[in-house]
Protein backbone atom coordinates (compact mmCIF):
# COMPACT_ATOMS: atom_id res chain seq x y z
CA MET A 1 121.63 102.03 64.62
CA VAL A 2 122.65 99.08 66.79
CA ILE A 3 123.10 101.35 69.78
CA THR A 4 119.67 102.90 69.29
CA ARG A 5 118.06 99.50 68.82
CA PHE A 6 119.28 98.21 72.20
CA ILE A 7 119.86 101.29 74.34
CA LEU A 8 116.60 103.10 73.59
CA PRO A 9 114.36 100.19 74.64
CA ALA A 10 116.49 99.65 77.75
CA LEU A 11 116.27 103.34 78.60
CA LEU A 12 112.49 103.30 78.13
CA LEU A 13 112.19 100.25 80.39
CA CYS A 14 114.20 102.01 83.09
CA LEU A 15 112.03 105.12 82.86
CA LEU A 16 108.85 103.06 82.95
CA GLY A 17 110.21 101.18 85.94
CA LEU A 18 110.87 104.42 87.80
CA MET A 19 107.42 105.75 86.96
CA ALA A 20 105.77 102.50 88.07
CA THR A 21 107.42 102.61 91.50
CA GLN A 22 106.20 106.12 92.28
CA PRO A 23 102.46 105.31 92.62
CA VAL A 24 103.18 102.07 94.48
CA ALA A 25 105.10 103.97 97.14
CA ALA A 26 102.32 106.53 97.41
CA GLN A 27 99.67 103.80 97.62
CA SER A 28 101.47 101.95 100.42
CA GLU A 29 100.92 104.87 102.79
CA ALA A 30 98.05 104.35 105.17
CA ARG A 31 95.47 106.97 106.00
CA ILE A 32 94.33 107.01 109.62
CA SER A 33 91.09 108.62 110.73
CA GLU A 34 88.75 108.61 113.69
CA LEU A 35 85.70 106.37 113.73
CA SER A 36 82.66 107.87 112.05
CA LEU A 37 79.20 107.84 113.57
CA LEU A 38 78.37 104.88 111.31
CA ASP A 39 81.46 103.03 112.55
CA HIS A 40 80.38 103.58 116.16
CA GLN A 41 76.87 102.36 115.37
CA TYR A 42 78.15 99.28 113.53
CA MET A 43 80.51 98.40 116.36
CA GLU A 44 77.74 98.78 118.91
CA GLN A 45 75.53 96.46 116.83
CA GLN A 46 78.36 93.91 116.79
CA ARG A 47 78.72 94.09 120.57
CA THR A 48 74.96 93.72 121.00
CA LEU A 49 74.91 90.71 118.66
CA LEU A 50 77.41 88.84 120.83
CA GLU A 51 75.89 90.08 124.07
CA ASP A 52 72.53 88.60 122.98
CA ILE A 53 74.11 85.23 122.15
CA THR A 54 75.99 84.99 125.46
CA ARG A 55 73.03 86.08 127.57
CA ARG A 56 70.74 83.61 125.80
CA HIS A 57 73.11 80.64 126.12
CA PHE A 58 75.12 81.39 129.26
CA GLY A 59 72.87 83.76 131.21
CA ARG A 60 75.55 86.46 131.32
CA GLY A 61 77.20 89.03 129.11
CA PHE A 62 80.59 90.62 128.78
CA SER A 63 81.80 92.46 131.86
CA GLY A 64 85.12 93.97 130.82
CA ASP A 65 86.95 91.51 133.09
CA THR A 66 89.65 90.07 130.81
CA ASP A 67 89.74 86.51 132.14
CA SER A 68 85.97 86.18 132.33
CA ASP A 69 85.37 87.66 128.88
CA LEU A 70 88.09 85.56 127.24
CA GLN A 71 86.52 82.45 128.77
CA LEU A 72 83.11 83.51 127.46
CA LEU A 73 84.52 84.03 123.95
CA GLN A 74 86.18 80.61 124.10
CA SER A 75 82.90 79.02 125.21
CA LEU A 76 81.19 80.42 122.11
CA LEU A 77 83.70 78.51 119.98
CA ASP A 78 83.90 75.36 122.11
CA GLN A 79 80.13 74.92 122.12
CA ARG A 80 79.96 75.77 118.41
CA LEU A 81 77.55 78.61 119.04
CA VAL A 82 79.70 80.57 116.61
CA LYS A 83 80.96 78.47 113.72
CA PRO A 84 83.90 79.07 111.34
CA SER A 85 81.46 80.07 108.58
CA GLN A 86 79.92 82.89 110.66
CA THR A 87 82.32 85.68 109.73
CA ARG A 88 80.13 88.46 111.15
CA GLU A 89 79.95 86.84 114.59
CA LEU A 90 83.64 85.90 114.53
CA GLN A 91 84.57 89.49 113.75
CA ALA A 92 82.29 90.66 116.56
CA MET A 93 84.27 88.36 118.83
CA GLY A 94 87.42 90.06 117.54
CA MET A 95 85.94 93.40 118.48
CA ILE A 96 85.28 92.22 122.05
CA LEU A 97 88.87 90.97 122.12
CA GLY A 98 89.95 94.40 120.86
CA ASP A 99 87.94 96.18 123.54
CA LEU A 100 89.78 94.14 126.18
CA LEU A 101 93.16 94.96 124.62
CA ALA A 102 92.22 98.64 124.34
CA ALA A 103 91.27 98.84 128.00
CA GLU A 104 94.33 96.95 129.17
CA LEU A 105 96.90 98.75 126.99
CA LYS A 106 95.27 102.19 126.65
CA LEU A 107 94.72 101.84 122.88
CA HIS A 108 91.96 103.48 120.84
CA TRP A 109 89.91 102.41 117.84
CA VAL A 110 90.65 104.11 114.51
CA ILE A 111 90.02 103.57 110.83
CA TYR A 112 93.07 102.36 108.93
CA GLU A 113 92.85 102.75 105.14
CA ASP A 114 95.45 101.54 102.69
CA LYS A 115 95.57 100.00 99.22
CA LEU A 116 94.05 96.80 100.64
CA GLY A 117 90.98 98.57 101.98
CA ARG A 118 89.42 100.03 105.10
CA SER A 119 89.80 98.38 108.50
CA ARG A 120 88.99 99.10 112.10
CA ALA A 121 92.20 98.96 114.09
CA LEU A 122 93.56 99.69 117.54
CA ARG A 123 96.21 102.36 117.71
CA ASP A 124 98.71 103.11 120.43
CA GLY A 125 98.47 106.88 120.94
CA ASN A 126 99.67 108.66 117.82
CA THR A 127 102.30 106.05 117.00
CA ASP A 128 102.43 103.83 113.94
CA ASN A 129 101.71 100.79 116.10
CA PHE A 130 98.42 99.12 115.17
CA LEU A 131 96.55 95.93 115.99
CA PHE A 132 93.75 94.52 113.83
CA PRO A 133 91.71 92.48 116.33
CA MET A 134 88.54 92.31 114.21
CA THR A 135 90.02 89.45 112.20
CA MET A 136 92.28 87.82 114.80
CA ILE A 137 89.73 85.14 115.64
CA SER A 138 87.86 84.94 112.33
CA ARG A 139 90.89 84.28 110.12
CA ARG A 140 92.12 81.52 112.38
CA GLN A 141 88.71 79.87 112.65
CA GLU A 142 88.05 80.11 108.92
CA ALA A 143 91.45 78.47 108.27
CA GLY A 144 90.62 75.60 110.63
CA SER A 145 92.93 76.68 113.46
CA ASN A 146 91.73 76.00 116.99
CA THR A 147 94.07 78.48 118.68
CA ALA A 148 92.62 79.35 122.06
CA VAL A 149 91.21 82.86 122.39
CA ALA A 150 93.40 83.47 125.46
CA VAL A 151 96.49 82.59 123.41
CA ILE A 152 95.47 85.00 120.66
CA TYR A 153 94.88 87.71 123.27
CA ARG A 154 98.21 87.09 125.02
CA LYS A 155 100.18 87.16 121.78
CA ALA A 156 98.57 90.45 120.69
CA TYR A 157 99.03 91.90 124.17
CA ASP A 158 102.72 90.93 124.31
CA ILE A 159 103.45 92.34 120.85
CA MET A 160 101.82 95.69 121.60
CA ALA A 161 103.13 95.95 125.18
CA ALA A 162 106.68 95.47 123.89
CA THR A 163 106.30 98.54 121.67
CA GLN A 164 104.97 100.83 124.37
CA THR A 165 107.32 103.28 126.05
CA LYS A 166 107.81 102.51 129.71
CA LEU A 167 107.56 105.48 132.03
CA PRO A 168 110.11 105.81 134.83
CA PHE A 169 109.24 103.82 137.96
CA GLN A 170 106.77 101.53 136.20
C-alpha cells in the first residue's frame, strides 16, 4: 500500500515527463521552404517603400553598393525619417541590409518556420546556417539602441562568413 502510494504517482510523473518531451522536440524542428509568390510581392513592396523615401529625401535610391547603401540606411535613422515606432519601415531596412548580405556572401532568401512562427531568412546554400536580417535593425531601434547600421552589417557578415567553407586558393 505504501509502495503503491508513492511509486505509482512517481512512475506516472516520469511517464508524463517523457510524453511531454516528445512533442517539444518535434516542435523545435524548423521547416524551410522557398519564398512564395506572395512573399516575393511583399518583399518587392518593402523595397519600393524604402526606395520612395530615399528618392524623395535624398534624391537617390539603393544601388547595391554596400558602403553607399549602408550610409543611406543610416541617414534614414539619423534624420529620423524612419522612427523606432515604424516597424514596417524598419523591417524594410532590414530587408535591404539582407539583400546586401545575400549579394556579398552568396546567400538566398527562404521561409523559416518553427514553433515561434514564420520568418524570412537568409540561408547559406543548403546548410543550417541562417540570418534573420528583417529584424536586425527594427529590434535594436525599438529597444532604444543606436547601433550603427554598418556595425550591424559587419557583425552579421563576420558571423556568416566564419561559417562558410573556404575553397582552396581563396
